[in-house]
Amino acid sequence: MALHVSDAFDAETFSYINKTYTMLDTVSLAGFMKNILKPALAEALAEIGFNRKQENEKRYYTRDEACKHLKIGTTTFYRLAKKGKINILKIEGKTLVDANELDEAIETRQVFRYQH
């Protein structure tokens, strides 16, 4: 008994593959990427909540979030800030820390997570 490619996929998947293959025969690879691949990737990324604009936006941790992230108390948090290990920003009575800066400080071991 001979197996056909269509036997390995359900009808909808085989139809999509067949249509894509036919389009590749008639459209340049750049056209395929622009017209099919790019919209499909954009849709998939949108489904998981990825937004390119969010990547460029500044993210901040509140003092409590930073303490939780570092597993430290507020006294230690302010001690690290006084030593210059953590750069803090005070806005309307709230203490904020640049999230990217704090994450980088953890990665470079300038600041480390305490183990309780």
Protein backbone atom coordinates (compact mmCIF):
# COMPACT_ATOMS: atom_id res chain seq x y z
CA MET A 1 0.00 0.00 0.00
CA ALA A 2 1.56 3.27 -1.10
CA LEU A 3 1.41 6.29 1.18
CA HIS A 4 0.70 9.70 -0.23
CA VAL A 5 1.86 12.98 1.34
CA SER A 6 -1.76 13.91 1.98
CA ASP A 7 -2.07 10.83 4.24
CA ALA A 8 0.39 12.35 6.74
CA PHE A 9 -1.67 15.50 7.31
CA ASP A 10 -5.30 16.30 7.90
CA ALA A 11 -7.14 17.84 4.94
CA GLU A 12 -6.90 21.43 6.19
CA THR A 13 -3.14 21.25 6.81
CA PHE A 14 -2.51 19.55 3.47
CA SER A 15 -4.57 22.21 1.70
CA TYR A 16 -2.55 24.97 3.40
CA ILE A 17 0.78 23.31 2.51
CA ASN A 18 -0.36 22.74 -1.06
CA LYS A 19 -1.56 26.35 -1.40
CA THR A 20 1.70 27.66 0.10
CA TYR A 21 3.78 25.48 -2.22
CA THR A 22 1.77 26.66 -5.24
CA MET A 23 2.25 30.28 -4.16
CA LEU A 24 5.99 29.72 -3.86
CA ASP A 25 6.01 28.48 -7.43
CA THR A 26 4.30 31.64 -8.67
CA VAL A 27 5.50 34.32 -6.26
CA SER A 28 9.05 35.28 -5.39
CA LEU A 29 10.39 34.33 -1.98
CA ALA A 30 10.32 37.98 -0.94
CA GLY A 31 6.67 38.17 -1.91
CA PHE A 32 5.94 35.03 0.10
CA MET A 33 7.65 36.48 3.14
CA LYS A 34 5.86 39.83 2.81
CA ASN A 35 2.39 38.55 1.99
CA ILE A 36 2.17 35.33 3.99
CA LEU A 37 4.94 34.90 6.51
CA LYS A 38 5.00 38.44 7.94
CA PRO A 39 1.23 38.65 8.58
CA ALA A 40 1.22 35.12 10.05
CA LEU A 41 4.07 35.98 12.41
CA ALA A 42 2.44 39.28 13.39
CA GLU A 43 -0.79 37.45 14.19
CA ALA A 44 1.02 34.78 16.21
CA LEU A 45 2.97 37.40 18.17
CA ALA A 46 -0.19 39.39 18.83
CA GLU A 47 -1.85 36.25 20.21
CA ILE A 48 0.86 35.83 22.82
CA GLY A 49 0.73 39.52 23.73
CA PHE A 50 4.04 40.62 22.22
CA ASN A 51 4.08 44.24 21.22
CA ARG A 52 7.17 45.83 19.67
CA LYS A 53 6.30 49.19 21.24
CA GLN A 54 6.37 47.66 24.72
CA GLU A 55 9.96 46.60 24.14
CA ASN A 56 11.12 50.21 23.78
CA GLU A 57 9.08 51.59 26.67
CA LYS A 58 10.75 52.13 30.00
CA ARG A 59 9.73 49.66 32.66
CA TYR A 60 9.96 50.44 36.35
CA TYR A 61 9.70 48.43 39.54
CA THR A 62 8.21 50.02 42.61
CA ARG A 63 10.29 49.77 45.77
CA ASP A 64 8.23 46.82 46.96
CA GLU A 65 8.49 45.02 43.61
CA ALA A 66 12.26 45.57 43.53
CA CYS A 67 12.58 44.26 47.09
CA LYS A 68 10.53 41.21 46.21
CA HIS A 69 12.59 40.67 43.04
CA LEU A 70 15.84 40.89 45.05
CA LYS A 71 14.41 39.05 48.07
CA ILE A 72 15.49 41.85 50.42
CA GLY A 73 13.84 44.20 52.89
CA THR A 74 13.37 47.93 52.50
CA THR A 75 16.29 48.77 54.82
CA THR A 76 18.68 46.75 52.65
CA PHE A 77 17.10 48.29 49.54
CA TYR A 78 17.83 51.83 50.76
CA ARG A 79 21.34 50.79 51.90
CA LEU A 80 22.09 49.52 48.36
CA ALA A 81 20.66 52.73 46.92
CA LYS A 82 22.87 54.83 49.24
CA LYS A 83 25.94 52.84 48.12
CA GLY A 84 24.98 53.53 44.50
CA LYS A 85 24.30 49.89 43.64
CA ILE A 86 20.67 50.71 42.83
CA ASN A 87 19.62 53.94 41.12
CA ILE A 88 16.29 55.10 42.45
CA LEU A 89 13.85 57.65 41.12
CA LYS A 90 11.38 59.44 43.40
CA ILE A 91 8.15 60.60 41.76
CA GLU A 92 5.28 61.98 43.83
CA GLY A 93 6.32 60.04 46.90
CA LYS A 94 6.85 56.76 45.02
CA THR A 95 10.26 55.16 44.82
CA LEU A 96 10.91 53.59 41.43
CA VAL A 97 13.78 51.58 39.95
CA ASP A 98 14.45 51.17 36.23
CA ALA A 99 13.58 47.51 35.64
CA ASN A 100 16.14 47.00 32.86
CA GLU A 101 18.87 48.60 34.98
CA LEU A 102 18.04 46.40 37.97
CA ASP A 103 17.89 43.25 35.85
CA GLU A 104 21.27 44.14 34.32
CA ALA A 105 22.75 44.81 37.77
CA ILE A 106 21.62 41.35 38.87
CA GLU A 107 23.09 39.73 35.74
CA THR A 108 26.45 41.50 36.15
CA ARG A 109 26.45 40.66 39.87
CA GLN A 110 26.57 44.31 40.97
CA VAL A 111 23.51 43.44 42.99
CA PHE A 112 22.55 39.88 43.75
CA ARG A 113 19.47 38.13 44.96
CA TYR A 114 19.66 37.19 48.58
CA GLN A 115 19.01 33.57 49.46
CA HIS A 116 16.92 33.13 52.60
